[in-house]
């Protein structure tokens, strides 16, 4: 069973930075993609950024130019560097992993880490 361990959330003032980390464990498997989603109170969970096994990445328009996603394949880990944080970035951030199960994928989620940005 795939498990995701997140770290790095916290409280920061507007304009500050945080770095989220997520490490996957639970045996041998092929990762299709890893990424980060977030959910603010009263809102739906939304994609923040994700990166495929081949290195292709995508970002939500609201974070482009401020957030950077990266992966360390040898450690089955993904990171999210968040700069120039804004109060509207406040949310619970969830690590996401898509495991390749041919011909489709299986989805796994971390427990979530709170990011709070004060104005």
C-alpha atoms as a PDB file:
ATOM      1  CA  UNK A   1       0.000   0.000   0.000  1.00  0.00           C
ATOM      2  CA  UNK A   2       1.398   3.373  -1.013  1.00  0.00           C
ATOM      3  CA  UNK A   3       1.853   5.855   1.809  1.00  0.00           C
ATOM      4  CA  UNK A   4       2.650   9.551   1.466  1.00  0.00           C
ATOM      5  CA  UNK A   5       4.406  11.502   4.200  1.00  0.00           C
ATOM      6  CA  UNK A   6       4.159  15.289   3.942  1.00  0.00           C
ATOM      7  CA  UNK A   7       6.056  17.979   5.780  1.00  0.00           C
ATOM      8  CA  UNK A   8       6.832  21.666   5.560  1.00  0.00           C
ATOM      9  CA  UNK A   9       3.561  23.453   6.137  1.00  0.00           C
ATOM     10  CA  UNK A  10       3.219  26.274   8.612  1.00  0.00           C
ATOM     11  CA  UNK A  11       2.474  29.919   9.215  1.00  0.00           C
ATOM     12  CA  UNK A  12       4.117  32.668   7.195  1.00  0.00           C
ATOM     13  CA  UNK A  13       3.540  36.325   6.487  1.00  0.00           C
ATOM     14  CA  UNK A  14       2.503  37.571   3.075  1.00  0.00           C
ATOM     15  CA  UNK A  15       5.474  37.615   0.736  1.00  0.00           C
ATOM     16  CA  UNK A  16       7.229  34.837   2.582  1.00  0.00           C
ATOM     17  CA  UNK A  17       8.263  31.386   1.465  1.00  0.00           C
ATOM     18  CA  UNK A  18       7.648  27.784   2.436  1.00  0.00           C
ATOM     19  CA  UNK A  19       8.828  24.465   1.050  1.00  0.00           C
ATOM     20  CA  UNK A  20       6.631  21.401   1.138  1.00  0.00           C
ATOM     21  CA  UNK A  21       8.018  17.895   0.920  1.00  0.00           C
ATOM     22  CA  UNK A  22       6.337  14.582   0.257  1.00  0.00           C
ATOM     23  CA  UNK A  23       7.917  11.134   0.294  1.00  0.00           C
ATOM     24  CA  UNK A  24       6.226   7.997  -0.993  1.00  0.00           C
ATOM     25  CA  UNK A  25       6.783   4.555   0.466  1.00  0.00           C
ATOM     26  CA  UNK A  26       5.149   1.147   0.420  1.00  0.00           C
ATOM     27  CA  UNK A  27       6.965  -1.207  -1.844  1.00  0.00           C
ATOM     28  CA  UNK A  28       7.947  -1.213  -5.465  1.00  0.00           C
ATOM     29  CA  UNK A  29       5.719   0.639  -7.871  1.00  0.00           C
ATOM     30  CA  UNK A  30       5.857   2.841 -10.923  1.00  0.00           C
ATOM     31  CA  UNK A  31       4.932   6.452 -10.396  1.00  0.00           C
ATOM     32  CA  UNK A  32       3.133   8.181 -13.221  1.00  0.00           C
ATOM     33  CA  UNK A  33       3.019  11.571 -11.538  1.00  0.00           C
ATOM     34  CA  UNK A  34       3.287  13.311  -8.190  1.00  0.00           C
ATOM     35  CA  UNK A  35       1.879  16.645  -7.265  1.00  0.00           C
ATOM     36  CA  UNK A  36       0.182  18.981  -4.860  1.00  0.00           C
ATOM     37  CA  UNK A  37      -3.440  19.954  -4.482  1.00  0.00           C
ATOM     38  CA  UNK A  38      -4.959  22.355  -1.997  1.00  0.00           C
ATOM     39  CA  UNK A  39      -8.299  22.922  -0.383  1.00  0.00           C
ATOM     40  CA  UNK A  40      -9.352  26.128   1.304  1.00  0.00           C
ATOM     41  CA  UNK A  41     -12.356  26.254   3.667  1.00  0.00           C
ATOM     42  CA  UNK A  42     -15.600  26.116   1.727  1.00  0.00           C
ATOM     43  CA  UNK A  43     -13.854  25.450  -1.564  1.00  0.00           C
ATOM     44  CA  UNK A  44     -13.173  22.427  -3.706  1.00  0.00           C
ATOM     45  CA  UNK A  45      -9.803  20.762  -3.809  1.00  0.00           C
ATOM     46  CA  UNK A  46      -7.780  22.168  -6.677  1.00  0.00           C
ATOM     47  CA  UNK A  47      -4.581  21.307  -8.472  1.00  0.00           C
ATOM     48  CA  UNK A  48      -1.604  23.444  -7.498  1.00  0.00           C
ATOM     49  CA  UNK A  49       1.151  21.727  -9.446  1.00  0.00           C
ATOM     50  CA  UNK A  50       2.160  18.290 -10.590  1.00  0.00           C
ATOM     51  CA  UNK A  51       5.069  16.663 -12.353  1.00  0.00           C
ATOM     52  CA  UNK A  52       5.136  13.462 -14.354  1.00  0.00           C
ATOM     53  CA  UNK A  53       7.706  10.720 -14.277  1.00  0.00           C
ATOM     54  CA  UNK A  54       9.046  12.118 -17.511  1.00  0.00           C
ATOM     55  CA  UNK A  55       9.582  15.530 -15.958  1.00  0.00           C
ATOM     56  CA  UNK A  56       6.679  17.437 -17.478  1.00  0.00           C
ATOM     57  CA  UNK A  57       5.067  19.855 -15.069  1.00  0.00           C
ATOM     58  CA  UNK A  58       1.902  21.894 -14.919  1.00  0.00           C
ATOM     59  CA  UNK A  59       0.775  24.654 -12.595  1.00  0.00           C
ATOM     60  CA  UNK A  60      -2.406  26.384 -11.642  1.00  0.00           C
ATOM     61  CA  UNK A  61      -2.509  29.850 -13.194  1.00  0.00           C
ATOM     62  CA  UNK A  62      -2.722  31.393  -9.737  1.00  0.00           C
ATOM     63  CA  UNK A  63       0.715  30.068  -8.726  1.00  0.00           C
ATOM     64  CA  UNK A  64       2.683  30.327 -11.952  1.00  0.00           C
ATOM     65  CA  UNK A  65       5.881  32.256 -11.441  1.00  0.00           C
ATOM     66  CA  UNK A  66       5.706  31.880  -7.661  1.00  0.00           C
ATOM     67  CA  UNK A  67       5.700  28.129  -7.021  1.00  0.00           C
ATOM     68  CA  UNK A  68       8.120  25.522  -8.325  1.00  0.00           C
ATOM     69  CA  UNK A  69       7.581  21.788  -8.226  1.00  0.00           C
ATOM     70  CA  UNK A  70      10.461  19.334  -8.348  1.00  0.00           C
ATOM     71  CA  UNK A  71      11.031  15.624  -7.935  1.00  0.00           C
ATOM     72  CA  UNK A  72      13.757  13.400  -6.615  1.00  0.00           C
ATOM     73  CA  UNK A  73      13.039  10.075  -8.274  1.00  0.00           C
ATOM     74  CA  UNK A  74      15.587   8.095  -6.290  1.00  0.00           C
ATOM     75  CA  UNK A  75      13.738   9.032  -3.111  1.00  0.00           C
ATOM     76  CA  UNK A  76      10.220   8.861  -4.565  1.00  0.00           C
ATOM     77  CA  UNK A  77       9.832  12.423  -3.349  1.00  0.00           C
ATOM     78  CA  UNK A  78       8.254  15.608  -4.595  1.00  0.00           C
ATOM     79  CA  UNK A  79       8.799  19.159  -3.375  1.00  0.00           C
ATOM     80  CA  UNK A  80       6.912  22.409  -3.729  1.00  0.00           C
ATOM     81  CA  UNK A  81       8.854  25.624  -3.279  1.00  0.00           C
ATOM     82  CA  UNK A  82       6.375  28.382  -2.597  1.00  0.00           C
ATOM     83  CA  UNK A  83       7.584  31.973  -2.861  1.00  0.00           C
ATOM     84  CA  UNK A  84       5.799  35.314  -2.679  1.00  0.00           C
ATOM     85  CA  UNK A  85       3.001  33.709  -0.726  1.00  0.00           C
ATOM     86  CA  UNK A  86      -0.327  35.477  -0.552  1.00  0.00           C
ATOM     87  CA  UNK A  87      -3.192  35.167   1.938  1.00  0.00           C
ATOM     88  CA  UNK A  88      -5.244  33.469  -0.779  1.00  0.00           C
ATOM     89  CA  UNK A  89      -2.701  30.635  -0.770  1.00  0.00           C
ATOM     90  CA  UNK A  90      -3.950  29.670   2.679  1.00  0.00           C
ATOM     91  CA  UNK A  91      -5.256  26.106   2.508  1.00  0.00           C
ATOM     92  CA  UNK A  92      -4.573  22.520   3.401  1.00  0.00           C
ATOM     93  CA  UNK A  93      -2.082  21.185   0.881  1.00  0.00           C
ATOM     94  CA  UNK A  94      -2.310  17.530  -0.107  1.00  0.00           C
ATOM     95  CA  UNK A  95       0.357  15.452  -1.748  1.00  0.00           C
ATOM     96  CA  UNK A  96      -0.936  13.364  -4.632  1.00  0.00           C
ATOM     97  CA  UNK A  97       0.556  10.330  -6.318  1.00  0.00           C
ATOM     98  CA  UNK A  98      -0.662   8.586  -9.435  1.00  0.00           C
ATOM     99  CA  UNK A  99       0.644   5.027  -9.555  1.00  0.00           C
ATOM    100  CA  UNK A 100       0.816   3.379 -12.920  1.00  0.00           C
ATOM    101  CA  UNK A 101      -1.436   0.326 -13.033  1.00  0.00           C
ATOM    102  CA  UNK A 102      -1.603  -0.520 -16.694  1.00  0.00           C
ATOM    103  CA  UNK A 103      -3.743   0.504 -18.496  1.00  0.00           C
ATOM    104  CA  UNK A 104      -4.726   3.159 -15.966  1.00  0.00           C
ATOM    105  CA  UNK A 105      -3.492   4.670 -12.702  1.00  0.00           C
ATOM    106  CA  UNK A 106      -4.359   4.492  -9.021  1.00  0.00           C
ATOM    107  CA  UNK A 107      -4.611   7.656  -6.932  1.00  0.00           C
ATOM    108  CA  UNK A 108      -3.148   8.163  -3.466  1.00  0.00           C
ATOM    109  CA  UNK A 109      -3.332  11.141  -1.100  1.00  0.00           C
ATOM    110  CA  UNK A 110      -1.320  12.361   1.827  1.00  0.00           C
ATOM    111  CA  UNK A 111      -2.959  13.447   5.065  1.00  0.00           C
ATOM    112  CA  UNK A 112      -2.551  17.130   4.249  1.00  0.00           C
ATOM    113  CA  UNK A 113      -0.452  19.920   5.694  1.00  0.00           C
ATOM    114  CA  UNK A 114      -1.776  23.340   6.660  1.00  0.00           C
ATOM    115  CA  UNK A 115      -0.343  26.452   5.047  1.00  0.00           C
ATOM    116  CA  UNK A 116      -1.463  29.753   6.532  1.00  0.00           C
ATOM    117  CA  UNK A 117      -0.415  33.085   5.048  1.00  0.00           C
ATOM    118  CA  UNK A 118      -1.175  36.204   7.026  1.00  0.00           C
ATOM    119  CA  UNK A 119      -1.698  39.612   5.446  1.00  0.00           C
END
